[in-house]
């Protein structure tokens, strides 16, 4: 199926639980591409939902998740990761048999384990994670092109029905995403290194600089600490939900940092240069991969 075909597969009603940057961007992307007929925003703050309606992000808002779930063909949960499992469990019993539920959380294993521990039939649930975002928050910054050529990871379990996985894959492809699948545990291990560790390091680096030194901080500080501006509450939940994998990634980073420190202490220019070259090589390889994906 080519990308143009995806745009002809309309979803009647899309419900988004958590109309922030990601949820708002999904809504704008789906509406602008004609992928959905209606978007319901689910949240706790009616005033915020009404503002999202007024700004054209969603068609209507609801503070009643069960009622919205009963009307939706596809539900996407875009709330902090420590809330997702309970929200899936809350809405599943009220969904039509043909409806699908997925999420945009950056941790997958713990959500799956929580649902399995509760003995919930989650055959309609497709764990997902769009690798896209910003340090900004709120639907005011929603971008309809946020997922264009972005990597979207789906981690269906043995319990997930294939029809629902196909539906979520088709939806993300219609929004311009490149979809791949993997196991929840593999996702969490890789993302700990490529996403969660960078935020941990950026936060530590930003916190280590004294405030009266900031007047001398320029592009290097800006580029290496940008993601430290992310929502602390959101990232606290991510680190707690993916603690084991994040700690493993942090220890690998700590080992690399120790090697660099030792090379400087010993004035070992050859070792220092080799370590820096290794970092440059990996960064250059990442850039080449991104250029290929975006071409």
Protein backbone atom coordinates (compact mmCIF):
# COMPACT_ATOMS: atom_id res chain seq x y z
CA UNK A 1 0.00 0.00 0.00
CA UNK A 2 1.45 3.36 -0.95
CA UNK A 3 1.24 6.43 1.34
CA UNK A 4 -1.56 8.01 -0.68
CA UNK A 5 -3.78 5.00 -0.03
CA UNK A 6 -3.54 5.52 3.72
CA UNK A 7 -5.26 8.87 3.47
CA UNK A 8 -8.34 7.17 2.03
CA UNK A 9 -8.77 4.99 5.11
CA UNK A 10 -10.75 7.30 7.35
CA UNK A 11 -11.42 6.58 11.00
CA UNK A 12 -14.84 7.76 12.04
CA UNK A 13 -14.12 8.93 15.58
CA UNK A 14 -10.69 9.40 17.11
CA UNK A 15 -10.48 9.93 20.88
CA UNK A 16 -7.32 11.38 22.36
CA UNK A 17 -6.79 11.09 26.10
CA UNK A 18 -4.38 13.84 27.10
CA UNK A 19 -4.55 16.78 24.70
CA UNK A 20 -1.05 18.16 25.16
CA UNK A 21 1.78 18.56 22.68
CA UNK A 22 1.71 14.95 21.44
CA UNK A 23 -2.05 14.47 21.67
CA UNK A 24 -2.67 17.84 20.07
CA UNK A 25 -0.19 17.12 17.28
CA UNK A 26 -1.85 13.78 16.57
CA UNK A 27 -5.22 15.51 16.39
CA UNK A 28 -3.96 18.23 14.06
CA UNK A 29 -2.11 15.73 11.87
CA UNK A 30 -5.11 13.42 11.56
CA UNK A 31 -7.51 16.28 10.84
CA UNK A 32 -5.26 17.97 8.28
CA UNK A 33 -4.75 14.70 6.41
CA UNK A 34 -8.42 13.73 6.41
CA UNK A 35 -7.70 10.56 8.34
CA UNK A 36 -10.56 11.05 10.83
CA UNK A 37 -14.08 12.43 10.72
CA UNK A 38 -14.18 13.61 14.34
CA UNK A 39 -11.74 14.09 17.20
CA UNK A 40 -12.81 13.91 20.85
CA UNK A 41 -10.34 15.23 23.41
CA UNK A 42 -10.44 13.53 26.82
CA UNK A 43 -9.15 15.35 29.89
CA UNK A 44 -9.92 16.58 33.39
CA UNK A 45 -9.93 20.31 32.71
CA UNK A 46 -13.05 21.34 30.80
CA UNK A 47 -11.74 24.86 30.27
CA UNK A 48 -8.57 23.56 28.62
CA UNK A 49 -10.59 21.20 26.44
CA UNK A 50 -12.83 24.06 25.37
CA UNK A 51 -9.79 26.13 24.47
CA UNK A 52 -8.52 23.24 22.34
CA UNK A 53 -11.89 23.23 20.57
CA UNK A 54 -11.71 26.98 19.98
CA UNK A 55 -8.21 26.64 18.51
CA UNK A 56 -9.37 23.91 16.14
CA UNK A 57 -7.27 21.15 17.70
CA UNK A 58 -10.25 18.90 18.58
CA UNK A 59 -13.94 18.89 17.65
CA UNK A 60 -15.23 18.45 21.19
CA UNK A 61 -14.02 17.69 24.66
CA UNK A 62 -15.08 15.21 27.32
CA UNK A 63 -14.22 14.78 30.97
CA UNK A 64 -15.85 11.32 30.97
CA UNK A 65 -13.38 8.73 29.57
CA UNK A 66 -15.87 5.87 29.59
CA UNK A 67 -18.43 7.80 27.54
CA UNK A 68 -15.83 8.93 25.01
CA UNK A 69 -14.41 5.41 24.74
CA UNK A 70 -17.86 4.06 23.86
CA UNK A 71 -18.06 6.44 20.89
CA UNK A 72 -14.55 6.04 19.50
CA UNK A 73 -13.20 3.85 16.73
CA UNK A 74 -9.60 4.54 17.77
CA UNK A 75 -8.36 5.78 21.16
CA UNK A 76 -4.84 7.11 21.70
CA UNK A 77 -3.65 7.70 25.26
CA UNK A 78 -1.10 10.52 25.48
CA UNK A 79 -0.74 10.93 29.24
CA UNK A 80 2.29 10.32 31.51
CA UNK A 81 3.43 6.70 31.37
CA UNK A 82 2.51 5.90 34.96
CA UNK A 83 -1.17 6.59 34.16
CA UNK A 84 -1.49 4.68 30.89
CA UNK A 85 -2.15 1.15 32.19
CA UNK A 86 -4.97 2.28 34.48
CA UNK A 87 -6.52 4.37 31.69
CA UNK A 88 -6.41 1.46 29.24
CA UNK A 89 -8.07 -0.72 31.88
CA UNK A 90 -10.65 1.99 32.56
CA UNK A 91 -11.71 2.40 28.93
CA UNK A 92 -11.47 -1.13 27.53
CA UNK A 93 -14.76 -2.39 29.04
CA UNK A 94 -16.67 0.48 27.43
CA UNK A 95 -15.23 0.14 23.92
CA UNK A 96 -16.99 -1.44 20.98
CA UNK A 97 -15.57 -4.81 19.95
CA UNK A 98 -14.33 -3.29 16.69
CA UNK A 99 -12.57 -0.34 18.37
CA UNK A 100 -8.82 -0.10 18.96
CA UNK A 101 -6.83 1.50 21.78
CA UNK A 102 -3.15 2.47 21.69
CA UNK A 103 -0.83 4.90 23.45
CA UNK A 104 2.14 7.19 22.91
CA UNK A 105 4.14 6.40 26.03
CA UNK A 106 7.93 6.08 25.91
CA UNK A 107 7.92 3.03 28.23
CA UNK A 108 6.15 -0.16 27.21
CA UNK A 109 7.15 -3.11 29.42
CA UNK A 110 5.71 -1.89 32.70
CA UNK A 111 2.36 -0.98 31.09
CA UNK A 112 2.06 -4.47 29.60
CA UNK A 113 3.02 -6.10 32.90
CA UNK A 114 0.46 -4.06 34.85
CA UNK A 115 -2.36 -5.07 32.51
CA UNK A 116 -1.30 -8.72 32.59
CA UNK A 117 -1.11 -8.66 36.41
CA UNK A 118 -4.72 -7.44 36.50
CA UNK A 119 -5.80 -10.26 34.19
CA UNK A 120 -7.27 -7.78 31.70
CA UNK A 121 -8.18 -8.89 28.18
CA UNK A 122 -6.04 -6.43 26.24
CA UNK A 123 -6.45 -7.93 22.76
CA UNK A 124 -7.67 -4.53 21.50
CA UNK A 125 -4.65 -2.70 22.93
CA UNK A 126 -1.61 -1.95 20.76
CA UNK A 127 1.30 -0.52 22.80
CA UNK A 128 2.93 2.26 20.79
CA UNK A 129 5.50 5.02 20.92
CA UNK A 130 6.03 7.81 18.37
CA UNK A 131 9.66 8.95 18.53
CA UNK A 132 8.82 12.61 18.17
CA UNK A 133 8.36 15.50 20.53
CA UNK A 134 9.65 18.78 21.88
CA UNK A 135 10.78 20.36 25.11
CA UNK A 136 7.61 22.48 24.90
CA UNK A 137 4.30 21.36 26.38
CA UNK A 138 0.64 22.01 25.66
CA UNK A 139 -1.59 21.77 22.59
CA UNK A 140 -0.72 25.39 21.83
CA UNK A 141 2.53 24.02 20.34
CA UNK A 142 0.85 21.17 18.45
CA UNK A 143 2.44 20.53 15.05
CA UNK A 144 0.51 18.69 12.31
CA UNK A 145 3.82 17.66 10.71
CA UNK A 146 5.45 16.41 13.91
CA UNK A 147 5.26 12.76 12.83
CA UNK A 148 6.29 13.25 9.21
CA UNK A 149 9.12 10.72 8.63
CA UNK A 150 9.30 10.07 12.38
CA UNK A 151 9.95 6.55 13.65
CA UNK A 152 6.89 5.00 15.28
CA UNK A 153 7.46 1.90 17.39
CA UNK A 154 4.66 -0.60 18.03
CA UNK A 155 5.16 -3.37 20.59
CA UNK A 156 2.16 -5.70 20.21
CA UNK A 157 2.10 -8.62 22.62
CA UNK A 158 1.01 -12.19 21.96
CA UNK A 159 -2.41 -11.12 23.20
CA UNK A 160 -2.81 -8.23 20.74
CA UNK A 161 -5.10 -9.08 17.85
CA UNK A 162 -3.46 -8.58 14.45
CA UNK A 163 -6.37 -6.53 13.13
CA UNK A 164 -5.73 -3.86 15.75
CA UNK A 165 -1.99 -3.80 15.10
CA UNK A 166 -2.66 -3.32 11.39
CA UNK A 167 -5.08 -0.50 12.10
CA UNK A 168 -2.63 1.40 14.30
CA UNK A 169 0.19 0.86 11.80
CA UNK A 170 -1.98 2.23 8.99
CA UNK A 171 -2.99 5.22 11.09
CA UNK A 172 0.60 6.23 11.85
CA UNK A 173 1.65 5.70 8.25
CA UNK A 174 -1.16 8.04 7.19
CA UNK A 175 0.38 10.66 9.49
CA UNK A 176 3.72 10.24 7.71
CA UNK A 177 5.43 7.96 10.21
CA UNK A 178 7.82 5.07 9.55
CA UNK A 179 6.46 2.19 11.61
CA UNK A 180 8.47 -0.69 13.05
CA UNK A 181 7.62 -3.37 15.59
CA UNK A 182 9.60 -4.93 18.42
CA UNK A 183 9.11 -6.55 21.80
CA UNK A 184 8.25 -4.24 24.75
CA UNK A 185 11.41 -5.18 26.65
CA UNK A 186 13.64 -4.54 23.63
CA UNK A 187 12.00 -1.15 23.12
CA UNK A 188 12.60 -0.17 26.74
CA UNK A 189 16.23 -1.27 26.67
CA UNK A 190 17.03 0.63 23.47
CA UNK A 191 15.06 3.75 24.42
CA UNK A 192 16.79 3.83 27.79
CA UNK A 193 20.04 4.42 25.93
CA UNK A 194 18.82 6.63 23.06
CA UNK A 195 16.17 8.74 24.84
CA UNK A 196 16.03 8.33 28.60
CA UNK A 197 19.79 8.47 29.23
CA UNK A 198 20.23 11.64 27.12
CA UNK A 199 17.60 13.39 29.22
CA UNK A 200 19.22 12.18 32.44
CA UNK A 201 22.63 13.44 31.30
CA UNK A 202 21.24 16.76 30.02
CA UNK A 203 19.48 17.37 33.33
CA UNK A 204 22.63 16.57 35.31
CA UNK A 205 24.76 18.80 33.08
CA UNK A 206 22.34 21.72 33.30
CA UNK A 207 22.10 21.37 37.08
CA UNK A 208 25.90 21.21 37.45
CA UNK A 209 26.45 24.67 35.97
CA UNK A 210 26.30 27.47 38.52
CA UNK A 211 23.71 30.12 37.82
CA UNK A 212 26.23 32.96 37.79
CA UNK A 213 28.17 31.11 35.06
CA UNK A 214 25.23 31.00 32.67
CA UNK A 215 26.21 34.34 31.12
CA UNK A 216 29.16 32.50 29.56
CA UNK A 217 27.06 29.55 28.34
CA UNK A 218 26.56 29.57 24.58
CA UNK A 219 25.63 27.13 21.80
CA UNK A 220 27.40 24.13 23.34
CA UNK A 221 25.38 24.46 26.53
CA UNK A 222 22.22 25.18 24.54
CA UNK A 223 22.55 22.14 22.28
CA UNK A 224 23.57 19.65 24.97
CA UNK A 225 20.95 20.70 27.55
CA UNK A 226 17.91 21.48 25.36
CA UNK A 227 15.92 18.45 26.49
CA UNK A 228 16.56 19.27 30.15
CA UNK A 229 13.77 21.83 29.68
CA UNK A 230 11.25 18.97 29.53
CA UNK A 231 8.48 18.55 32.10
CA UNK A 232 10.11 17.22 35.35
CA UNK A 233 6.91 15.43 36.42
CA UNK A 234 6.65 13.63 33.10
CA UNK A 235 10.28 12.55 33.18
CA UNK A 236 10.10 11.42 36.79
CA UNK A 237 7.40 8.94 35.77
CA UNK A 238 9.47 7.76 32.77
CA UNK A 239 12.57 7.10 34.87
CA UNK A 240 10.54 5.27 37.52
CA UNK A 241 8.70 3.14 34.95
CA UNK A 242 11.92 2.20 33.14
CA UNK A 243 14.30 2.24 36.09
CA UNK A 244 16.24 -0.99 35.44
CA UNK A 245 17.01 -0.24 31.79
CA UNK A 246 17.81 3.42 32.52
CA UNK A 247 20.23 2.43 35.28
CA UNK A 248 21.94 -0.08 32.97
CA UNK A 249 22.32 2.62 30.30
CA UNK A 250 23.59 5.12 32.87
CA UNK A 251 26.25 2.67 34.05
CA UNK A 252 27.46 2.16 30.46
CA UNK A 253 27.67 5.94 30.07
CA UNK A 254 29.45 6.23 33.41
CA UNK A 255 32.08 3.76 32.19
CA UNK A 256 32.68 5.79 29.02
CA UNK A 257 32.91 9.00 31.02
CA UNK A 258 35.37 7.40 33.42
CA UNK A 259 37.59 6.41 30.49
CA UNK A 260 37.60 10.01 29.27
CA UNK A 261 38.37 11.34 32.74
CA UNK A 262 41.21 8.84 33.16
CA UNK A 263 42.70 9.79 29.80
CA UNK A 264 42.72 13.45 30.83
CA UNK A 265 44.17 12.67 34.27
CA UNK A 266 46.98 10.62 32.72
CA UNK A 267 47.54 13.15 29.92
CA UNK A 268 47.08 10.28 27.49
CA UNK A 269 46.52 12.20 24.25
CA UNK A 270 46.23 9.10 22.05
CA UNK A 271 43.54 7.52 24.25
CA UNK A 272 41.68 10.81 24.63
CA UNK A 273 41.70 11.38 20.87
CA UNK A 274 40.51 7.80 20.21
CA UNK A 275 37.61 8.15 22.65
CA UNK A 276 36.57 11.49 21.19
CA UNK A 277 36.83 10.04 17.67
CA UNK A 278 34.58 7.15 18.69
CA UNK A 279 31.96 9.63 19.87
CA UNK A 280 32.22 11.68 16.69
CA UNK A 281 31.94 8.56 14.54
CA UNK A 282 28.75 7.44 16.29
CA UNK A 283 27.24 10.91 16.06
CA UNK A 284 28.09 11.13 12.34
CA UNK A 285 26.55 7.69 11.75
CA UNK A 286 23.34 8.83 13.46
CA UNK A 287 23.20 11.91 11.28
CA UNK A 288 23.65 9.85 8.10
CA UNK A 289 20.84 7.53 9.16
CA UNK A 290 18.54 10.47 9.84
CA UNK A 291 19.30 12.00 6.44
CA UNK A 292 18.45 8.69 4.73
CA UNK A 293 15.15 8.43 6.63
CA UNK A 294 14.24 12.01 5.82
CA UNK A 295 15.12 11.83 2.13
